């Protein structure tokens, strides 16, 4: 039988494959949304459960404290006011416990929600393995995620810089206050001067130890450096300059591969710096410490 060249079977097959691909992606997105919804629900249930339990424990501690105070004092005029205050606070805690318990879902327990979340995660993991995007799609998605990397590094850098500045301010103000109080304290008996001096000295020591151990300044420096390098790489890729100047208009795939590799190298370098900063001091200082 001769072949009918007007038959568009290949086109129909291609259209069917695209439709199947679209349906698989839609199902994948639905599973991802379901997992996120279940995670949000689980976080809300856990938060309400902690609030209820903490409120009940607080109310019980307040009632026990009021009872113990009444037994120890045995004086109506002395224990009546503290007992009333403890009773009011215990009542407020119980009200919070009742409200939190009423907000909990009634159609399932915490174990059932966790079990449903694990089942949804397993289904999403299995489906993601079957519907795996191509290499070009993965690189394109990675390019869209680069801005998220920059924002995370910049946010972490600002956080560590803020903590470093607060601790440094505490050290400077505490040192000045310690010197002033030490000059005013002329007696050897335990006075408010000596107590204040002890507390400030303790705070300075703790702040210096925390600042030296966690290395907030170095973490801020390296995170901001990585964010700046990734941003410069992104601008060079978008504008076609630097290492991407030799790629023509028909070489987008090669340029995207180079860009992905460069960003991954920068992120791996940041991970190595982070690991070096987390090492104890007796294993040597991290490489590339920022200069003062």
C-alpha atoms as a PDB file:
ATOM      1  CA  UNK A   1       0.000   0.000   0.000  1.00  0.00           C
ATOM      2  CA  UNK A   2       1.448   3.342  -1.030  1.00  0.00           C
ATOM      3  CA  UNK A   3       2.062   5.943   1.649  1.00  0.00           C
ATOM      4  CA  UNK A   4      -0.230   8.927   1.743  1.00  0.00           C
ATOM      5  CA  UNK A   5       2.023  11.977   1.844  1.00  0.00           C
ATOM      6  CA  UNK A   6      -0.885  14.151   2.932  1.00  0.00           C
ATOM      7  CA  UNK A   7      -1.095  12.245   6.201  1.00  0.00           C
ATOM      8  CA  UNK A   8      -0.202  14.569   9.108  1.00  0.00           C
ATOM      9  CA  UNK A   9       0.369  11.791  11.656  1.00  0.00           C
ATOM     10  CA  UNK A  10       3.772  13.194  12.748  1.00  0.00           C
ATOM     11  CA  UNK A  11       2.174  16.536  13.460  1.00  0.00           C
ATOM     12  CA  UNK A  12      -0.610  14.890  15.418  1.00  0.00           C
ATOM     13  CA  UNK A  13       1.919  12.909  17.435  1.00  0.00           C
ATOM     14  CA  UNK A  14       3.931  16.050  18.142  1.00  0.00           C
ATOM     15  CA  UNK A  15       0.804  17.891  19.257  1.00  0.00           C
ATOM     16  CA  UNK A  16      -0.194  14.988  21.485  1.00  0.00           C
ATOM     17  CA  UNK A  17       3.261  14.914  23.044  1.00  0.00           C
ATOM     18  CA  UNK A  18       3.108  18.652  23.766  1.00  0.00           C
ATOM     19  CA  UNK A  19      -0.328  18.292  25.305  1.00  0.00           C
ATOM     20  CA  UNK A  20       0.890  15.412  27.466  1.00  0.00           C
ATOM     21  CA  UNK A  21       3.894  17.489  28.488  1.00  0.00           C
ATOM     22  CA  UNK A  22       1.671  20.407  29.427  1.00  0.00           C
ATOM     23  CA  UNK A  23      -0.588  18.146  31.461  1.00  0.00           C
ATOM     24  CA  UNK A  24       2.418  16.690  33.290  1.00  0.00           C
ATOM     25  CA  UNK A  25       3.725  20.161  34.116  1.00  0.00           C
ATOM     26  CA  UNK A  26       0.295  21.252  35.309  1.00  0.00           C
ATOM     27  CA  UNK A  27       0.090  18.206  37.555  1.00  0.00           C
ATOM     28  CA  UNK A  28       3.602  18.934  38.854  1.00  0.00           C
ATOM     29  CA  UNK A  29       2.641  22.506  39.724  1.00  0.00           C
ATOM     30  CA  UNK A  30      -0.522  21.305  41.454  1.00  0.00           C
ATOM     31  CA  UNK A  31       1.472  18.858  43.567  1.00  0.00           C
ATOM     32  CA  UNK A  32       3.935  21.586  44.498  1.00  0.00           C
ATOM     33  CA  UNK A  33       1.094  23.891  45.524  1.00  0.00           C
ATOM     34  CA  UNK A  34      -0.461  21.096  47.560  1.00  0.00           C
ATOM     35  CA  UNK A  35       2.808  20.475  49.389  1.00  0.00           C
ATOM     36  CA  UNK A  36       3.204  24.173  50.184  1.00  0.00           C
ATOM     37  CA  UNK A  37      -0.365  24.379  51.473  1.00  0.00           C
ATOM     38  CA  UNK A  38       0.161  21.361  53.697  1.00  0.00           C
ATOM     39  CA  UNK A  39       3.422  22.808  55.021  1.00  0.00           C
ATOM     40  CA  UNK A  40       1.670  26.084  55.873  1.00  0.00           C
ATOM     41  CA  UNK A  41      -1.138  24.202  57.598  1.00  0.00           C
ATOM     42  CA  UNK A  42       1.324  22.095  59.576  1.00  0.00           C
ATOM     43  CA  UNK A  43       3.258  25.190  60.685  1.00  0.00           C
ATOM     44  CA  UNK A  44       0.012  26.859  61.800  1.00  0.00           C
ATOM     45  CA  UNK A  45      -1.120  23.798  63.758  1.00  0.00           C
ATOM     46  CA  UNK A  46       2.262  23.485  65.458  1.00  0.00           C
ATOM     47  CA  UNK A  47       2.235  27.179  66.370  1.00  0.00           C
ATOM     48  CA  UNK A  48      -1.262  26.941  67.852  1.00  0.00           C
ATOM     49  CA  UNK A  49      -0.351  23.765  69.728  1.00  0.00           C
ATOM     50  CA  UNK A  50       2.733  25.404  71.249  1.00  0.00           C
ATOM     51  CA  UNK A  51       0.675  28.447  72.238  1.00  0.00           C
ATOM     52  CA  UNK A  52      -1.957  26.279  73.899  1.00  0.00           C
ATOM     53  CA  UNK A  53       0.575  24.161  75.787  1.00  0.00           C
ATOM     54  CA  UNK A  54       2.630  27.155  76.920  1.00  0.00           C
ATOM     55  CA  UNK A  55      -0.523  28.952  78.100  1.00  0.00           C
ATOM     56  CA  UNK A  56      -1.637  25.939  80.127  1.00  0.00           C
ATOM     57  CA  UNK A  57       1.811  25.509  81.689  1.00  0.00           C
ATOM     58  CA  UNK A  58       1.990  29.233  82.497  1.00  0.00           C
ATOM     59  CA  UNK A  59      -1.431  29.150  84.164  1.00  0.00           C
ATOM     60  CA  UNK A  60      -0.473  26.120  86.241  1.00  0.00           C
ATOM     61  CA  UNK A  61       2.821  27.704  87.323  1.00  0.00           C
ATOM     62  CA  UNK A  62       1.031  30.904  88.321  1.00  0.00           C
ATOM     63  CA  UNK A  63      -1.538  28.992  90.363  1.00  0.00           C
ATOM     64  CA  UNK A  64       1.167  26.896  92.028  1.00  0.00           C
ATOM     65  CA  UNK A  65       3.173  30.013  92.776  1.00  0.00           C
ATOM     66  CA  UNK A  66       0.165  31.732  94.324  1.00  0.00           C
ATOM     67  CA  UNK A  67      -0.589  28.671  96.425  1.00  0.00           C
ATOM     68  CA  UNK A  68       3.004  28.350  97.608  1.00  0.00           C
ATOM     69  CA  UNK A  69       3.118  32.055  98.471  1.00  0.00           C
ATOM     70  CA  UNK A  70      -0.093  31.730 100.497  1.00  0.00           C
ATOM     71  CA  UNK A  71       1.261  28.736 102.407  1.00  0.00           C
ATOM     72  CA  UNK A  72       4.559  30.441 103.208  1.00  0.00           C
ATOM     73  CA  UNK A  73       3.150  33.839 104.215  1.00  0.00           C
ATOM     74  CA  UNK A  74       0.010  32.887 106.181  1.00  0.00           C
ATOM     75  CA  UNK A  75      -1.076  36.511 106.273  1.00  0.00           C
ATOM     76  CA  UNK A  76      -4.230  37.637 104.477  1.00  0.00           C
ATOM     77  CA  UNK A  77      -3.089  41.207 103.934  1.00  0.00           C
ATOM     78  CA  UNK A  78       0.288  40.150 102.542  1.00  0.00           C
ATOM     79  CA  UNK A  79      -0.662  37.284 100.221  1.00  0.00           C
ATOM     80  CA  UNK A  80      -4.027  38.566  98.991  1.00  0.00           C
ATOM     81  CA  UNK A  81      -2.706  41.074  96.432  1.00  0.00           C
ATOM     82  CA  UNK A  82      -0.046  38.745  94.870  1.00  0.00           C
ATOM     83  CA  UNK A  83      -2.620  35.947  94.733  1.00  0.00           C
ATOM     84  CA  UNK A  84      -5.104  38.172  92.906  1.00  0.00           C
ATOM     85  CA  UNK A  85      -2.437  39.204  90.386  1.00  0.00           C
ATOM     86  CA  UNK A  86      -1.408  35.568  89.806  1.00  0.00           C
ATOM     87  CA  UNK A  87      -5.049  34.552  89.446  1.00  0.00           C
ATOM     88  CA  UNK A  88      -5.754  37.226  86.844  1.00  0.00           C
ATOM     89  CA  UNK A  89      -2.647  36.293  84.848  1.00  0.00           C
ATOM     90  CA  UNK A  90      -3.558  32.609  85.068  1.00  0.00           C
ATOM     91  CA  UNK A  91      -7.045  33.413  83.795  1.00  0.00           C
ATOM     92  CA  UNK A  92      -5.596  35.341  80.850  1.00  0.00           C
ATOM     93  CA  UNK A  93      -3.293  32.402  80.059  1.00  0.00           C
ATOM     94  CA  UNK A  94      -6.243  30.011  80.147  1.00  0.00           C
ATOM     95  CA  UNK A  95      -8.189  32.278  77.788  1.00  0.00           C
ATOM     96  CA  UNK A  96      -5.270  32.149  75.332  1.00  0.00           C
ATOM     97  CA  UNK A  97      -5.196  28.361  75.683  1.00  0.00           C
ATOM     98  CA  UNK A  98      -8.924  28.089  74.943  1.00  0.00           C
ATOM     99  CA  UNK A  99      -8.647  30.395  71.902  1.00  0.00           C
ATOM    100  CA  UNK A 100      -5.659  28.480  70.543  1.00  0.00           C
ATOM    101  CA  UNK A 101      -7.406  25.152  71.076  1.00  0.00           C
ATOM    102  CA  UNK A 102     -10.524  26.456  69.316  1.00  0.00           C
ATOM    103  CA  UNK A 103      -8.451  27.552  66.299  1.00  0.00           C
ATOM    104  CA  UNK A 104      -7.003  24.058  65.863  1.00  0.00           C
ATOM    105  CA  UNK A 105      -8.520  22.001  63.029  1.00  0.00           C
ATOM    106  CA  UNK A 106     -11.060  19.410  64.101  1.00  0.00           C
ATOM    107  CA  UNK A 107     -10.833  17.197  61.026  1.00  0.00           C
ATOM    108  CA  UNK A 108      -7.433  15.715  61.826  1.00  0.00           C
ATOM    109  CA  UNK A 109      -4.698  15.489  64.399  1.00  0.00           C
ATOM    110  CA  UNK A 110      -1.098  16.683  64.086  1.00  0.00           C
ATOM    111  CA  UNK A 111       0.086  13.159  63.224  1.00  0.00           C
ATOM    112  CA  UNK A 112      -2.461  12.898  60.406  1.00  0.00           C
ATOM    113  CA  UNK A 113      -1.371  16.243  58.957  1.00  0.00           C
ATOM    114  CA  UNK A 114       2.294  15.207  59.098  1.00  0.00           C
ATOM    115  CA  UNK A 115       1.464  11.884  57.468  1.00  0.00           C
ATOM    116  CA  UNK A 116      -0.443  13.623  54.670  1.00  0.00           C
ATOM    117  CA  UNK A 117       2.454  16.029  54.130  1.00  0.00           C
ATOM    118  CA  UNK A 118       4.956  13.182  53.859  1.00  0.00           C
ATOM    119  CA  UNK A 119       2.709  11.403  51.369  1.00  0.00           C
ATOM    120  CA  UNK A 120       2.386  14.561  49.253  1.00  0.00           C
ATOM    121  CA  UNK A 121       6.158  15.076  49.350  1.00  0.00           C
ATOM    122  CA  UNK A 122       6.797  11.512  48.229  1.00  0.00           C
ATOM    123  CA  UNK A 123       4.314  11.901  45.379  1.00  0.00           C
ATOM    124  CA  UNK A 124       5.892  15.194  44.320  1.00  0.00           C
ATOM    125  CA  UNK A 125       9.402  13.681  44.468  1.00  0.00           C
ATOM    126  CA  UNK A 126       8.353  10.695  42.370  1.00  0.00           C
ATOM    127  CA  UNK A 127       6.512  12.843  39.828  1.00  0.00           C
ATOM    128  CA  UNK A 128       9.419  15.308  39.600  1.00  0.00           C
ATOM    129  CA  UNK A 129      11.735  12.401  38.765  1.00  0.00           C
ATOM    130  CA  UNK A 130       9.436  11.357  35.912  1.00  0.00           C
ATOM    131  CA  UNK A 131       8.781  14.858  34.565  1.00  0.00           C
ATOM    132  CA  UNK A 132      12.307  16.203  34.552  1.00  0.00           C
ATOM    133  CA  UNK A 133      12.877  19.346  32.451  1.00  0.00           C
ATOM    134  CA  UNK A 134      15.599  19.448  29.856  1.00  0.00           C
ATOM    135  CA  UNK A 135      19.053  20.895  30.316  1.00  0.00           C
ATOM    136  CA  UNK A 136      18.180  24.171  28.593  1.00  0.00           C
ATOM    137  CA  UNK A 137      15.086  24.600  30.754  1.00  0.00           C
ATOM    138  CA  UNK A 138      17.049  23.858  33.926  1.00  0.00           C
ATOM    139  CA  UNK A 139      19.679  26.438  33.025  1.00  0.00           C
ATOM    140  CA  UNK A 140      17.015  29.003  32.189  1.00  0.00           C
ATOM    141  CA  UNK A 141      15.308  28.386  35.534  1.00  0.00           C
ATOM    142  CA  UNK A 142      18.671  28.664  37.255  1.00  0.00           C
ATOM    143  CA  UNK A 143      19.233  32.024  35.583  1.00  0.00           C
ATOM    144  CA  UNK A 144      15.918  33.247  36.984  1.00  0.00           C
ATOM    145  CA  UNK A 145      16.941  32.070  40.484  1.00  0.00           C
ATOM    146  CA  UNK A 146      20.208  34.019  40.466  1.00  0.00           C
ATOM    147  CA  UNK A 147      18.550  37.195  41.749  1.00  0.00           C
ATOM    148  CA  UNK A 148      17.305  35.209  44.724  1.00  0.00           C
ATOM    149  CA  UNK A 149      20.887  34.188  45.536  1.00  0.00           C
ATOM    150  CA  UNK A 150      21.966  37.818  45.424  1.00  0.00           C
ATOM    151  CA  UNK A 151      19.141  38.912  47.720  1.00  0.00           C
ATOM    152  CA  UNK A 152      19.878  36.156  50.240  1.00  0.00           C
ATOM    153  CA  UNK A 153      23.600  36.946  50.413  1.00  0.00           C
ATOM    154  CA  UNK A 154      22.949  40.680  50.703  1.00  0.00           C
ATOM    155  CA  UNK A 155      20.336  40.119  53.435  1.00  0.00           C
ATOM    156  CA  UNK A 156      22.671  37.865  55.434  1.00  0.00           C
ATOM    157  CA  UNK A 157      25.477  40.379  55.026  1.00  0.00           C
ATOM    158  CA  UNK A 158      23.332  43.208  56.398  1.00  0.00           C
ATOM    159  CA  UNK A 159      22.242  41.054  59.324  1.00  0.00           C
ATOM    160  CA  UNK A 160      25.800  40.135  60.350  1.00  0.00           C
ATOM    161  CA  UNK A 161      26.954  43.733  59.874  1.00  0.00           C
ATOM    162  CA  UNK A 162      24.142  44.955  62.139  1.00  0.00           C
ATOM    163  CA  UNK A 163      25.003  42.426  64.857  1.00  0.00           C
ATOM    164  CA  UNK A 164      28.690  43.322  64.595  1.00  0.00           C
ATOM    165  CA  UNK A 165      27.939  47.028  64.981  1.00  0.00           C
ATOM    166  CA  UNK A 166      25.701  46.427  68.018  1.00  0.00           C
ATOM    167  CA  UNK A 167      28.337  44.326  69.761  1.00  0.00           C
ATOM    168  CA  UNK A 168      31.080  46.786  68.965  1.00  0.00           C
ATOM    169  CA  UNK A 169      28.963  49.605  70.368  1.00  0.00           C
ATOM    170  CA  UNK A 170      28.319  47.594  73.532  1.00  0.00           C
ATOM    171  CA  UNK A 171      32.054  46.998  73.947  1.00  0.00           C
ATOM    172  CA  UNK A 172      32.955  50.663  73.505  1.00  0.00           C
ATOM    173  CA  UNK A 173      30.189  52.039  75.740  1.00  0.00           C
ATOM    174  CA  UNK A 174      30.790  49.362  78.350  1.00  0.00           C
ATOM    175  CA  UNK A 175      34.517  50.044  78.469  1.00  0.00           C
ATOM    176  CA  UNK A 176      33.928  53.756  79.047  1.00  0.00           C
ATOM    177  CA  UNK A 177      31.294  53.077  81.708  1.00  0.00           C
ATOM    178  CA  UNK A 178      33.545  50.569  83.470  1.00  0.00           C
ATOM    179  CA  UNK A 179      36.372  53.073  83.708  1.00  0.00           C
ATOM    180  CA  UNK A 180      34.026  55.757  85.064  1.00  0.00           C
ATOM    181  CA  UNK A 181      32.421  53.548  87.710  1.00  0.00           C
ATOM    182  CA  UNK A 182      35.791  52.139  88.763  1.00  0.00           C
ATOM    183  CA  UNK A 183      37.034  55.681  89.361  1.00  0.00           C
ATOM    184  CA  UNK A 184      33.969  56.525  91.493  1.00  0.00           C
ATOM    185  CA  UNK A 185      34.056  53.349  93.564  1.00  0.00           C
ATOM    186  CA  UNK A 186      36.338  54.079  96.528  1.00  0.00           C
ATOM    187  CA  UNK A 187      35.047  51.599  99.106  1.00  0.00           C
ATOM    188  CA  UNK A 188      35.557  47.871  99.375  1.00  0.00           C
ATOM    189  CA  UNK A 189      32.055  47.010 100.609  1.00  0.00           C
ATOM    190  CA  UNK A 190      29.445  45.660  98.227  1.00  0.00           C
ATOM    191  CA  UNK A 191      27.731  48.768  96.878  1.00  0.00           C
ATOM    192  CA  UNK A 192      25.725  49.538  93.771  1.00  0.00           C
ATOM    193  CA  UNK A 193      28.947  50.811  92.206  1.00  0.00           C
ATOM    194  CA  UNK A 194      30.683  47.478  92.537  1.00  0.00           C
ATOM    195  CA  UNK A 195      27.609  45.551  91.390  1.00  0.00           C
ATOM    196  CA  UNK A 196      27.221  47.766  88.320  1.00  0.00           C
ATOM    197  CA  UNK A 197      30.919  47.398  87.550  1.00  0.00           C
ATOM    198  CA  UNK A 198      30.614  43.631  87.769  1.00  0.00           C
ATOM    199  CA  UNK A 199      27.589  43.512  85.458  1.00  0.00           C
ATOM    200  CA  UNK A 200      29.138  45.796  82.831  1.00  0.00           C
ATOM    201  CA  UNK A 201      32.418  43.883  82.870  1.00  0.00           C
ATOM    202  CA  UNK A 202      30.513  40.642  82.410  1.00  0.00           C
ATOM    203  CA  UNK A 203      28.511  42.061  79.484  1.00  0.00           C
ATOM    204  CA  UNK A 204      31.694  43.311  77.805  1.00  0.00           C
ATOM    205  CA  UNK A 205      33.395  39.945  78.196  1.00  0.00           C
ATOM    206  CA  UNK A 206      30.403  38.077  76.773  1.00  0.00           C
ATOM    207  CA  UNK A 207      30.054  40.475  73.838  1.00  0.00           C
ATOM    208  CA  UNK A 208      33.764  40.219  73.012  1.00  0.00           C
ATOM    209  CA  UNK A 209      33.645  36.429  73.164  1.00  0.00           C
ATOM    210  CA  UNK A 210      30.559  36.218  70.924  1.00  0.00           C
ATOM    211  CA  UNK A 211      31.982  38.682  68.426  1.00  0.00           C
ATOM    212  CA  UNK A 212      35.293  36.848  68.274  1.00  0.00           C
ATOM    213  CA  UNK A 213      33.765  33.397  67.994  1.00  0.00           C
ATOM    214  CA  UNK A 214      31.057  33.960  65.390  1.00  0.00           C
ATOM    215  CA  UNK A 215      33.142  36.420  63.299  1.00  0.00           C
ATOM    216  CA  UNK A 216      30.197  38.567  62.251  1.00  0.00           C
ATOM    217  CA  UNK A 217      32.390  41.091  60.465  1.00  0.00           C
ATOM    218  CA  UNK A 218      34.115  38.446  58.330  1.00  0.00           C
ATOM    219  CA  UNK A 219      30.811  36.778  57.470  1.00  0.00           C
ATOM    220  CA  UNK A 220      29.344  40.113  56.420  1.00  0.00           C
ATOM    221  CA  UNK A 221      32.398  40.904  54.291  1.00  0.00           C
ATOM    222  CA  UNK A 222      32.436  37.579  52.425  1.00  0.00           C
ATOM    223  CA  UNK A 223      28.663  37.495  51.853  1.00  0.00           C
ATOM    224  CA  UNK A 224      28.628  41.002  50.429  1.00  0.00           C
ATOM    225  CA  UNK A 225      31.662  40.175  48.267  1.00  0.00           C
ATOM    226  CA  UNK A 226      29.902  37.104  46.834  1.00  0.00           C
ATOM    227  CA  UNK A 227      26.714  39.097  46.207  1.00  0.00           C
ATOM    228  CA  UNK A 228      28.691  41.786  44.350  1.00  0.00           C
ATOM    229  CA  UNK A 229      30.540  39.208  42.232  1.00  0.00           C
ATOM    230  CA  UNK A 230      27.313  37.408  41.249  1.00  0.00           C
ATOM    231  CA  UNK A 231      25.682  40.736  40.410  1.00  0.00           C
ATOM    232  CA  UNK A 232      28.679  41.707  38.248  1.00  0.00           C
ATOM    233  CA  UNK A 233      28.501  38.309  36.499  1.00  0.00           C
ATOM    234  CA  UNK A 234      24.776  38.787  35.863  1.00  0.00           C
ATOM    235  CA  UNK A 235      25.320  42.245  34.379  1.00  0.00           C
ATOM    236  CA  UNK A 236      28.161  40.967  32.176  1.00  0.00           C
ATOM    237  CA  UNK A 237      25.947  38.140  30.879  1.00  0.00           C
ATOM    238  CA  UNK A 238      23.013  40.483  30.197  1.00  0.00           C
ATOM    239  CA  UNK A 239      25.142  43.106  28.445  1.00  0.00           C
ATOM    240  CA  UNK A 240      27.442  40.670  26.595  1.00  0.00           C
ATOM    241  CA  UNK A 241      30.696  42.088  27.984  1.00  0.00           C
ATOM    242  CA  UNK A 242      33.689  40.598  29.751  1.00  0.00           C
ATOM    243  CA  UNK A 243      33.834  36.827  29.368  1.00  0.00           C
ATOM    244  CA  UNK A 244      30.627  36.903  27.296  1.00  0.00           C
ATOM    245  CA  UNK A 245      31.861  39.367  24.663  1.00  0.00           C
ATOM    246  CA  UNK A 246      32.962  36.560  22.293  1.00  0.00           C
ATOM    247  CA  UNK A 247      29.543  34.874  22.186  1.00  0.00           C
ATOM    248  CA  UNK A 248      27.400  35.791  19.194  1.00  0.00           C
ATOM    249  CA  UNK A 249      23.611  36.092  18.999  1.00  0.00           C
ATOM    250  CA  UNK A 250      23.314  32.429  17.981  1.00  0.00           C
ATOM    251  CA  UNK A 251      25.440  31.227  20.925  1.00  0.00           C
ATOM    252  CA  UNK A 252      22.987  31.824  23.750  1.00  0.00           C
ATOM    253  CA  UNK A 253      23.247  28.237  24.932  1.00  0.00           C
ATOM    254  CA  UNK A 254      27.032  28.414  25.277  1.00  0.00           C
ATOM    255  CA  UNK A 255      26.834  31.771  27.063  1.00  0.00           C
ATOM    256  CA  UNK A 256      24.162  30.446  29.430  1.00  0.00           C
ATOM    257  CA  UNK A 257      26.318  27.409  30.208  1.00  0.00           C
ATOM    258  CA  UNK A 258      29.299  29.675  30.974  1.00  0.00           C
ATOM    259  CA  UNK A 259      27.135  31.906  33.154  1.00  0.00           C
ATOM    260  CA  UNK A 260      25.746  28.946  35.126  1.00  0.00           C
ATOM    261  CA  UNK A 261      29.234  27.553  35.711  1.00  0.00           C
ATOM    262  CA  UNK A 262      30.596  30.922  36.848  1.00  0.00           C
ATOM    263  CA  UNK A 263      27.784  31.486  39.353  1.00  0.00           C
ATOM    264  CA  UNK A 264      28.206  27.982  40.744  1.00  0.00           C
ATOM    265  CA  UNK A 265      31.938  28.589  41.202  1.00  0.00           C
ATOM    266  CA  UNK A 266      31.206  31.759  43.172  1.00  0.00           C
ATOM    267  CA  UNK A 267      28.654  29.978  45.361  1.00  0.00           C
ATOM    268  CA  UNK A 268      31.051  27.094  46.024  1.00  0.00           C
ATOM    269  CA  UNK A 269      33.741  29.596  46.985  1.00  0.00           C
ATOM    270  CA  UNK A 270      31.316  31.187  49.455  1.00  0.00           C
ATOM    271  CA  UNK A 271      30.556  27.763  50.945  1.00  0.00           C
ATOM    272  CA  UNK A 272      34.274  27.115  51.447  1.00  0.00           C
ATOM    273  CA  UNK A 273      34.698  30.464  53.171  1.00  0.00           C
ATOM    274  CA  UNK A 274      31.718  29.720  55.386  1.00  0.00           C
ATOM    275  CA  UNK A 275      33.183  26.358  56.371  1.00  0.00           C
ATOM    276  CA  UNK A 276      36.534  27.956  57.152  1.00  0.00           C
ATOM    277  CA  UNK A 277      34.855  30.545  59.355  1.00  0.00           C
ATOM    278  CA  UNK A 278      33.026  27.793  61.233  1.00  0.00           C
ATOM    279  CA  UNK A 279      36.281  26.006  62.065  1.00  0.00           C
ATOM    280  CA  UNK A 280      37.704  26.405  65.586  1.00  0.00           C
ATOM    281  CA  UNK A 281      40.430  28.971  66.100  1.00  0.00           C
ATOM    282  CA  UNK A 282      43.110  26.333  66.807  1.00  0.00           C
ATOM    283  CA  UNK A 283      42.805  25.014  63.221  1.00  0.00           C
ATOM    284  CA  UNK A 284      44.115  28.191  61.720  1.00  0.00           C
ATOM    285  CA  UNK A 285      42.486  31.371  60.495  1.00  0.00           C
ATOM    286  CA  UNK A 286      40.290  31.312  57.385  1.00  0.00           C
ATOM    287  CA  UNK A 287      41.908  32.175  54.111  1.00  0.00           C
ATOM    288  CA  UNK A 288      41.249  35.571  52.652  1.00  0.00           C
ATOM    289  CA  UNK A 289      40.487  37.447  55.882  1.00  0.00           C
ATOM    290  CA  UNK A 290      39.375  41.013  55.194  1.00  0.00           C
ATOM    291  CA  UNK A 291      41.874  43.632  56.137  1.00  0.00           C
ATOM    292  CA  UNK A 292      41.004  46.163  58.810  1.00  0.00           C
END
